[in-house]
Amino acid sequence: MKNKTLATWLTFLGGPLGLHRFYLRGFGDWLGWLLPIPTLLGLYGIMRVKQFGVDDMWSWVLLPVLGFTFAGCALTAIIYGLMTPEKWNARFNPEAPPEAAPGHTNWFTIFGIAVSLMVGTAVLMASIAFSFQRYFEYQIEEARKISQ
């Protein structure tokens, strides 16, 4: 029996590593194995910022990848948490009755949804702001080179 509250928190906390997909679909899920790739690329972007500074072009490409991956997992956590018990049990517990307890929403599920919404939104907005800022700064630098 797959618990909706546990899946919501696994998606929020371990989603970028694919933990929620392994919990819900097993270790044969190929998307669960691919999710760590953009996460590792984003972490490599953080290492490049520490090493070369924020002016490094690869860092402003790689950092938003981590942010978008995390924001996507937060959105998935919200979707899982808001599923009705009938839909949850039909999708992840097909052998259980529609009103089985693992599909029910409790306060811990609601708290997971709220945290996912707040943190996921903040990470998404920060990723968008960082990538656009770096892009436009790069465009201004290139325009200055052309004008000289």
N, C-alpha and C. Protein backbone atom coordinates (compact mmCIF):
# COMPACT_ATOMS: atom_id res chain seq x y z
N MET A 1 0.84 -1.18 0.00
CA MET A 1 0.00 0.00 0.00
C MET A 1 0.88 1.24 0.00
N LYS A 2 0.66 2.10 -0.97
CA LYS A 2 1.43 3.33 -1.11
C LYS A 2 0.70 4.47 -0.38
N ASN A 3 1.38 5.09 0.58
CA ASN A 3 0.80 6.14 1.40
C ASN A 3 0.98 7.49 0.73
N LYS A 4 -0.11 8.25 0.63
CA LYS A 4 -0.09 9.54 -0.04
C LYS A 4 0.76 10.56 0.71
N THR A 5 0.69 10.57 2.02
CA THR A 5 1.48 11.53 2.81
C THR A 5 2.97 11.26 2.64
N LEU A 6 3.36 10.00 2.73
CA LEU A 6 4.77 9.65 2.56
C LEU A 6 5.24 10.00 1.14
N ALA A 7 4.42 9.74 0.15
CA ALA A 7 4.79 10.06 -1.23
C ALA A 7 4.93 11.57 -1.42
N THR A 8 4.07 12.36 -0.78
CA THR A 8 4.17 13.81 -0.88
C THR A 8 5.49 14.31 -0.31
N TRP A 9 5.85 13.83 0.87
CA TRP A 9 7.10 14.26 1.48
C TRP A 9 8.32 13.72 0.77
N LEU A 10 8.25 12.49 0.28
CA LEU A 10 9.38 11.95 -0.50
C LEU A 10 9.58 12.73 -1.78
N THR A 11 8.48 13.16 -2.39
CA THR A 11 8.59 13.93 -3.62
C THR A 11 9.21 15.29 -3.35
N PHE A 12 8.82 15.92 -2.25
CA PHE A 12 9.37 17.23 -1.91
C PHE A 12 10.83 17.13 -1.49
N LEU A 13 11.15 16.21 -0.60
CA LEU A 13 12.50 16.14 -0.04
C LEU A 13 13.49 15.36 -0.92
N GLY A 14 13.04 14.28 -1.50
CA GLY A 14 13.95 13.45 -2.29
C GLY A 14 13.60 13.35 -3.75
N GLY A 15 12.70 14.21 -4.20
CA GLY A 15 12.28 14.18 -5.60
C GLY A 15 13.39 14.36 -6.60
N PRO A 16 14.31 15.32 -6.38
CA PRO A 16 15.39 15.50 -7.34
C PRO A 16 16.31 14.28 -7.46
N LEU A 17 16.21 13.35 -6.53
CA LEU A 17 16.98 12.11 -6.62
C LEU A 17 16.13 10.94 -7.11
N GLY A 18 14.85 11.17 -7.33
CA GLY A 18 13.96 10.14 -7.84
C GLY A 18 13.39 9.22 -6.78
N LEU A 19 13.51 9.56 -5.50
CA LEU A 19 13.07 8.67 -4.44
C LEU A 19 11.57 8.40 -4.49
N HIS A 20 10.78 9.41 -4.84
CA HIS A 20 9.34 9.21 -4.90
C HIS A 20 8.95 8.25 -6.02
N ARG A 21 9.67 8.30 -7.11
CA ARG A 21 9.36 7.40 -8.22
C ARG A 21 9.71 5.96 -7.86
N PHE A 22 10.80 5.77 -7.13
CA PHE A 22 11.15 4.42 -6.69
C PHE A 22 10.14 3.91 -5.67
N TYR A 23 9.65 4.79 -4.81
CA TYR A 23 8.64 4.38 -3.83
C TYR A 23 7.33 3.99 -4.52
N LEU A 24 6.92 4.79 -5.49
CA LEU A 24 5.61 4.55 -6.11
C LEU A 24 5.65 3.52 -7.24
N ARG A 25 6.75 3.43 -7.97
CA ARG A 25 6.79 2.57 -9.16
C ARG A 25 7.84 1.48 -9.11
N GLY A 26 8.70 1.50 -8.11
CA GLY A 26 9.74 0.48 -7.99
C GLY A 26 11.04 0.91 -8.65
N PHE A 27 12.05 0.10 -8.46
CA PHE A 27 13.38 0.42 -8.98
C PHE A 27 13.51 0.24 -10.49
N GLY A 28 12.50 -0.27 -11.14
CA GLY A 28 12.52 -0.42 -12.59
C GLY A 28 12.08 0.83 -13.33
N ASP A 29 11.74 1.88 -12.61
CA ASP A 29 11.26 3.11 -13.24
C ASP A 29 12.44 3.89 -13.82
N TRP A 30 12.48 4.02 -15.12
CA TRP A 30 13.63 4.66 -15.77
C TRP A 30 13.69 6.16 -15.51
N LEU A 31 12.53 6.82 -15.34
CA LEU A 31 12.56 8.26 -15.01
C LEU A 31 13.15 8.50 -13.63
N GLY A 32 12.93 7.57 -12.72
CA GLY A 32 13.54 7.68 -11.40
C GLY A 32 15.06 7.64 -11.47
N TRP A 33 15.57 6.86 -12.39
CA TRP A 33 17.03 6.79 -12.57
C TRP A 33 17.57 8.00 -13.32
N LEU A 34 16.74 8.67 -14.12
CA LEU A 34 17.21 9.85 -14.86
C LEU A 34 17.13 11.14 -14.06
N LEU A 35 16.28 11.19 -13.04
CA LEU A 35 16.11 12.42 -12.27
C LEU A 35 17.40 12.92 -11.60
N PRO A 36 18.29 12.07 -11.13
CA PRO A 36 19.52 12.61 -10.53
C PRO A 36 20.44 13.32 -11.52
N ILE A 37 20.28 13.09 -12.80
CA ILE A 37 21.18 13.72 -13.78
C ILE A 37 21.05 15.24 -13.77
N PRO A 38 19.84 15.83 -13.93
CA PRO A 38 19.78 17.30 -13.86
C PRO A 38 20.13 17.83 -12.48
N THR A 39 19.87 17.04 -11.45
CA THR A 39 20.25 17.46 -10.10
C THR A 39 21.76 17.57 -9.98
N LEU A 40 22.47 16.56 -10.48
CA LEU A 40 23.93 16.59 -10.44
C LEU A 40 24.49 17.70 -11.32
N LEU A 41 23.87 17.94 -12.45
CA LEU A 41 24.31 19.05 -13.31
C LEU A 41 24.16 20.39 -12.58
N GLY A 42 23.05 20.56 -11.88
CA GLY A 42 22.85 21.79 -11.12
C GLY A 42 23.84 21.93 -9.98
N LEU A 43 24.14 20.83 -9.30
CA LEU A 43 25.14 20.87 -8.24
C LEU A 43 26.52 21.19 -8.81
N TYR A 44 26.81 20.70 -10.00
CA TYR A 44 28.05 21.06 -10.67
C TYR A 44 28.07 22.56 -10.98
N GLY A 45 26.91 23.12 -11.33
CA GLY A 45 26.81 24.57 -11.54
C GLY A 45 27.12 25.35 -10.28
N ILE A 46 26.67 24.84 -9.12
CA ILE A 46 26.98 25.49 -7.85
C ILE A 46 28.49 25.44 -7.59
N MET A 47 29.10 24.31 -7.89
CA MET A 47 30.55 24.20 -7.71
C MET A 47 31.28 25.18 -8.63
N ARG A 48 30.79 25.36 -9.83
CA ARG A 48 31.43 26.30 -10.76
C ARG A 48 31.27 27.74 -10.27
N VAL A 49 30.14 28.07 -9.67
CA VAL A 49 29.97 29.42 -9.12
C VAL A 49 30.98 29.65 -8.00
N LYS A 50 31.14 28.66 -7.15
CA LYS A 50 32.11 28.80 -6.06
C LYS A 50 33.54 28.92 -6.59
N GLN A 51 33.82 28.22 -7.68
CA GLN A 51 35.18 28.21 -8.23
C GLN A 51 35.46 29.42 -9.12
N PHE A 52 34.52 29.77 -10.01
CA PHE A 52 34.77 30.81 -11.01
C PHE A 52 33.95 32.08 -10.79
N GLY A 53 33.00 32.08 -9.89
CA GLY A 53 32.16 33.25 -9.66
C GLY A 53 30.89 33.19 -10.51
N VAL A 54 30.02 34.17 -10.29
CA VAL A 54 28.72 34.16 -10.99
C VAL A 54 28.83 34.58 -12.45
N ASP A 55 29.99 35.04 -12.88
CA ASP A 55 30.16 35.44 -14.28
C ASP A 55 30.43 34.25 -15.19
N ASP A 56 30.57 33.07 -14.63
CA ASP A 56 30.82 31.88 -15.43
C ASP A 56 29.57 31.53 -16.24
N MET A 57 29.72 31.39 -17.56
CA MET A 57 28.56 31.15 -18.42
C MET A 57 27.91 29.79 -18.13
N TRP A 58 28.70 28.77 -17.88
CA TRP A 58 28.13 27.45 -17.61
C TRP A 58 27.31 27.45 -16.32
N SER A 59 27.73 28.26 -15.35
CA SER A 59 26.97 28.27 -14.10
C SER A 59 25.58 28.86 -14.30
N TRP A 60 25.45 29.89 -15.15
CA TRP A 60 24.11 30.44 -15.33
C TRP A 60 23.26 29.60 -16.25
N VAL A 61 23.83 28.57 -16.82
CA VAL A 61 23.03 27.59 -17.56
C VAL A 61 22.66 26.42 -16.65
N LEU A 62 23.61 26.00 -15.80
CA LEU A 62 23.41 24.80 -14.99
C LEU A 62 22.60 25.05 -13.71
N LEU A 63 22.75 26.21 -13.11
CA LEU A 63 22.02 26.47 -11.87
C LEU A 63 20.50 26.43 -12.04
N PRO A 64 19.95 27.05 -13.08
CA PRO A 64 18.50 26.94 -13.25
C PRO A 64 18.02 25.50 -13.48
N VAL A 65 18.88 24.64 -14.02
CA VAL A 65 18.48 23.24 -14.20
C VAL A 65 18.14 22.62 -12.85
N LEU A 66 18.97 22.89 -11.85
CA LEU A 66 18.69 22.39 -10.50
C LEU A 66 17.41 23.02 -9.95
N GLY A 67 17.25 24.31 -10.15
CA GLY A 67 16.05 24.98 -9.65
C GLY A 67 14.78 24.47 -10.30
N PHE A 68 14.82 24.29 -11.62
CA PHE A 68 13.63 23.79 -12.31
C PHE A 68 13.32 22.35 -11.94
N THR A 69 14.35 21.54 -11.71
CA THR A 69 14.14 20.16 -11.28
C THR A 69 13.47 20.15 -9.90
N PHE A 70 14.00 20.96 -9.00
CA PHE A 70 13.42 21.01 -7.66
C PHE A 70 12.00 21.56 -7.70
N ALA A 71 11.75 22.60 -8.49
CA ALA A 71 10.41 23.18 -8.59
C ALA A 71 9.43 22.17 -9.20
N GLY A 72 9.88 21.41 -10.19
CA GLY A 72 9.02 20.38 -10.77
C GLY A 72 8.66 19.29 -9.77
N CYS A 73 9.61 18.93 -8.94
CA CYS A 73 9.33 17.94 -7.90
C CYS A 73 8.38 18.51 -6.85
N ALA A 74 8.52 19.78 -6.52
CA ALA A 74 7.59 20.41 -5.58
C ALA A 74 6.18 20.44 -6.16
N LEU A 75 6.07 20.72 -7.45
CA LEU A 75 4.76 20.70 -8.11
C LEU A 75 4.17 19.29 -8.09
N THR A 76 4.99 18.30 -8.32
CA THR A 76 4.52 16.91 -8.27
C THR A 76 4.06 16.56 -6.86
N ALA A 77 4.77 17.04 -5.84
CA ALA A 77 4.35 16.80 -4.45
C ALA A 77 2.98 17.43 -4.19
N ILE A 78 2.75 18.60 -4.73
CA ILE A 78 1.45 19.26 -4.56
C ILE A 78 0.35 18.44 -5.25
N ILE A 79 0.64 17.96 -6.45
CA ILE A 79 -0.34 17.15 -7.18
C ILE A 79 -0.66 15.87 -6.42
N TYR A 80 0.37 15.20 -5.92
CA TYR A 80 0.14 13.98 -5.14
C TYR A 80 -0.68 14.28 -3.89
N GLY A 81 -0.34 15.34 -3.19
CA GLY A 81 -1.04 15.66 -1.96
C GLY A 81 -2.49 16.05 -2.17
N LEU A 82 -2.80 16.63 -3.32
CA LEU A 82 -4.18 17.07 -3.59
C LEU A 82 -5.05 16.01 -4.26
N MET A 83 -4.48 14.86 -4.58
CA MET A 83 -5.29 13.80 -5.19
C MET A 83 -6.37 13.32 -4.22
N THR A 84 -7.52 13.02 -4.76
CA THR A 84 -8.58 12.46 -3.94
C THR A 84 -8.20 11.03 -3.54
N PRO A 85 -8.71 10.54 -2.42
CA PRO A 85 -8.38 9.17 -2.02
C PRO A 85 -8.76 8.14 -3.08
N GLU A 86 -9.87 8.37 -3.76
CA GLU A 86 -10.30 7.42 -4.78
C GLU A 86 -9.30 7.37 -5.94
N LYS A 87 -8.88 8.56 -6.38
CA LYS A 87 -7.92 8.61 -7.49
C LYS A 87 -6.57 8.06 -7.07
N TRP A 88 -6.13 8.39 -5.85
CA TRP A 88 -4.84 7.90 -5.36
C TRP A 88 -4.84 6.37 -5.30
N ASN A 89 -5.86 5.81 -4.68
CA ASN A 89 -5.91 4.36 -4.52
C ASN A 89 -6.11 3.66 -5.86
N ALA A 90 -6.85 4.27 -6.77
CA ALA A 90 -7.01 3.65 -8.09
C ALA A 90 -5.69 3.63 -8.85
N ARG A 91 -4.87 4.67 -8.66
CA ARG A 91 -3.62 4.77 -9.41
C ARG A 91 -2.48 3.99 -8.76
N PHE A 92 -2.33 4.11 -7.44
CA PHE A 92 -1.17 3.54 -6.79
C PHE A 92 -1.48 2.34 -5.90
N ASN A 93 -2.73 2.13 -5.55
CA ASN A 93 -3.16 0.97 -4.77
C ASN A 93 -4.37 0.32 -5.44
N PRO A 94 -4.20 -0.21 -6.64
CA PRO A 94 -5.38 -0.71 -7.38
C PRO A 94 -6.09 -1.88 -6.71
N GLU A 95 -5.39 -2.62 -5.85
CA GLU A 95 -6.02 -3.75 -5.19
C GLU A 95 -6.82 -3.34 -3.96
N ALA A 96 -6.66 -2.09 -3.51
CA ALA A 96 -7.35 -1.59 -2.32
C ALA A 96 -8.71 -1.00 -2.69
N PRO A 97 -9.61 -0.94 -1.73
CA PRO A 97 -10.89 -0.26 -2.00
C PRO A 97 -10.66 1.24 -2.21
N PRO A 98 -11.57 1.92 -2.90
CA PRO A 98 -11.37 3.34 -3.21
C PRO A 98 -11.18 4.23 -1.98
N GLU A 99 -11.78 3.89 -0.87
CA GLU A 99 -11.68 4.72 0.34
C GLU A 99 -10.65 4.19 1.34
N ALA A 100 -9.65 3.46 0.89
CA ALA A 100 -8.64 2.90 1.79
C ALA A 100 -7.83 4.01 2.46
N ALA A 101 -7.35 3.73 3.65
CA ALA A 101 -6.66 4.74 4.47
C ALA A 101 -5.39 5.32 3.84
N PRO A 102 -4.57 4.57 3.08
CA PRO A 102 -3.35 5.17 2.54
C PRO A 102 -3.59 6.35 1.59
N GLY A 103 -4.76 6.47 1.05
CA GLY A 103 -5.06 7.57 0.14
C GLY A 103 -5.65 8.79 0.82
N HIS A 104 -5.87 8.71 2.12
CA HIS A 104 -6.50 9.82 2.83
C HIS A 104 -5.52 10.95 3.08
N THR A 105 -6.06 12.15 3.17
CA THR A 105 -5.28 13.35 3.45
C THR A 105 -5.38 13.66 4.94
N ASN A 106 -4.22 13.95 5.55
CA ASN A 106 -4.22 14.37 6.95
C ASN A 106 -3.46 15.69 7.04
N TRP A 107 -3.27 16.18 8.27
CA TRP A 107 -2.62 17.48 8.44
C TRP A 107 -1.16 17.44 8.01
N PHE A 108 -0.51 16.31 8.16
CA PHE A 108 0.88 16.21 7.73
C PHE A 108 0.97 16.30 6.20
N THR A 109 -0.03 15.78 5.51
CA THR A 109 -0.09 15.91 4.05
C THR A 109 -0.30 17.37 3.66
N ILE A 110 -1.20 18.05 4.35
CA ILE A 110 -1.48 19.45 4.05
C ILE A 110 -0.25 20.31 4.32
N PHE A 111 0.45 20.01 5.41
CA PHE A 111 1.68 20.73 5.71
C PHE A 111 2.72 20.50 4.61
N GLY A 112 2.80 19.28 4.10
CA GLY A 112 3.72 18.98 2.99
C GLY A 112 3.35 19.75 1.73
N ILE A 113 2.06 19.87 1.45
CA ILE A 113 1.60 20.64 0.30
C ILE A 113 1.98 22.11 0.46
N ALA A 114 1.75 22.66 1.65
CA ALA A 114 2.05 24.08 1.90
C ALA A 114 3.54 24.36 1.78
N VAL A 115 4.37 23.50 2.35
CA VAL A 115 5.82 23.69 2.28
C VAL A 115 6.29 23.55 0.83
N SER A 116 5.75 22.58 0.12
CA SER A 116 6.11 22.40 -1.29
C SER A 116 5.74 23.62 -2.11
N LEU A 117 4.58 24.19 -1.83
CA LEU A 117 4.14 25.38 -2.55
C LEU A 117 5.05 26.57 -2.27
N MET A 118 5.37 26.79 -1.01
CA MET A 118 6.19 27.96 -0.65
C MET A 118 7.62 27.81 -1.16
N VAL A 119 8.25 26.69 -0.87
CA VAL A 119 9.65 26.51 -1.25
C VAL A 119 9.78 26.33 -2.76
N GLY A 120 8.89 25.56 -3.35
CA GLY A 120 8.94 25.35 -4.80
C GLY A 120 8.77 26.64 -5.58
N THR A 121 7.85 27.49 -5.13
CA THR A 121 7.64 28.78 -5.80
C THR A 121 8.87 29.66 -5.65
N ALA A 122 9.44 29.70 -4.45
CA ALA A 122 10.63 30.53 -4.22
C ALA A 122 11.80 30.05 -5.09
N VAL A 123 11.99 28.75 -5.17
CA VAL A 123 13.09 28.21 -5.98
C VAL A 123 12.85 28.48 -7.46
N LEU A 124 11.62 28.31 -7.91
CA LEU A 124 11.31 28.58 -9.31
C LEU A 124 11.55 30.04 -9.66
N MET A 125 11.06 30.95 -8.84
CA MET A 125 11.23 32.38 -9.11
C MET A 125 12.70 32.78 -9.06
N ALA A 126 13.44 32.23 -8.11
CA ALA A 126 14.87 32.54 -8.02
C ALA A 126 15.61 32.01 -9.25
N SER A 127 15.24 30.83 -9.72
CA SER A 127 15.89 30.27 -10.91
C SER A 127 15.60 31.10 -12.15
N ILE A 128 14.35 31.52 -12.30
CA ILE A 128 13.99 32.36 -13.44
C ILE A 128 14.71 33.71 -13.36
N ALA A 129 14.71 34.32 -12.18
CA ALA A 129 15.36 35.63 -12.03
C ALA A 129 16.86 35.53 -12.30
N PHE A 130 17.50 34.49 -11.77
CA PHE A 130 18.94 34.33 -11.97
C PHE A 130 19.26 34.13 -13.45
N SER A 131 18.52 33.25 -14.11
CA SER A 131 18.84 32.96 -15.50
C SER A 131 18.58 34.17 -16.40
N PHE A 132 17.48 34.90 -16.19
CA PHE A 132 17.22 36.08 -17.01
C PHE A 132 18.22 37.19 -16.73
N GLN A 133 18.58 37.38 -15.47
CA GLN A 133 19.55 38.41 -15.14
C GLN A 133 20.89 38.13 -15.82
N ARG A 134 21.36 36.89 -15.72
CA ARG A 134 22.64 36.55 -16.33
C ARG A 134 22.57 36.66 -17.85
N TYR A 135 21.44 36.26 -18.42
CA TYR A 135 21.29 36.35 -19.88
C TYR A 135 21.35 37.81 -20.35
N PHE A 136 20.61 38.68 -19.70
CA PHE A 136 20.59 40.08 -20.13
C PHE A 136 21.92 40.78 -19.85
N GLU A 137 22.59 40.41 -18.77
CA GLU A 137 23.92 40.97 -18.53
C GLU A 137 24.89 40.52 -19.62
N TYR A 138 24.78 39.29 -20.04
CA TYR A 138 25.62 38.78 -21.13
C TYR A 138 25.32 39.54 -22.42
N GLN A 139 24.05 39.79 -22.70
CA GLN A 139 23.69 40.53 -23.91
C GLN A 139 24.24 41.95 -23.89
N ILE A 140 24.21 42.58 -22.73
CA ILE A 140 24.75 43.93 -22.62
C ILE A 140 26.26 43.92 -22.84
N GLU A 141 26.95 42.94 -22.27
CA GLU A 141 28.40 42.83 -22.47
C GLU A 141 28.74 42.63 -23.94
N GLU A 142 27.99 41.80 -24.61
CA GLU A 142 28.24 41.56 -26.04
C GLU A 142 27.94 42.80 -26.86
N ALA A 143 26.92 43.55 -26.51
CA ALA A 143 26.60 44.79 -27.22
C ALA A 143 27.70 45.83 -27.03
N ARG A 144 28.27 45.89 -25.85
CA ARG A 144 29.38 46.81 -25.60
C ARG A 144 30.60 46.42 -26.43
N LYS A 145 30.84 45.13 -26.57
CA LYS A 145 31.98 44.68 -27.39
C LYS A 145 31.80 45.09 -28.86
N ILE A 146 30.56 44.97 -29.33
CA ILE A 146 30.28 45.31 -30.72
C ILE A 146 30.39 46.82 -30.94
N SER A 147 29.93 47.60 -29.97
CA SER A 147 29.95 49.06 -30.13
C SER A 147 31.35 49.66 -30.03
N GLN A 148 32.28 48.93 -29.46
CA GLN A 148 33.64 49.48 -29.33
C GLN A 148 34.39 49.14 -30.54
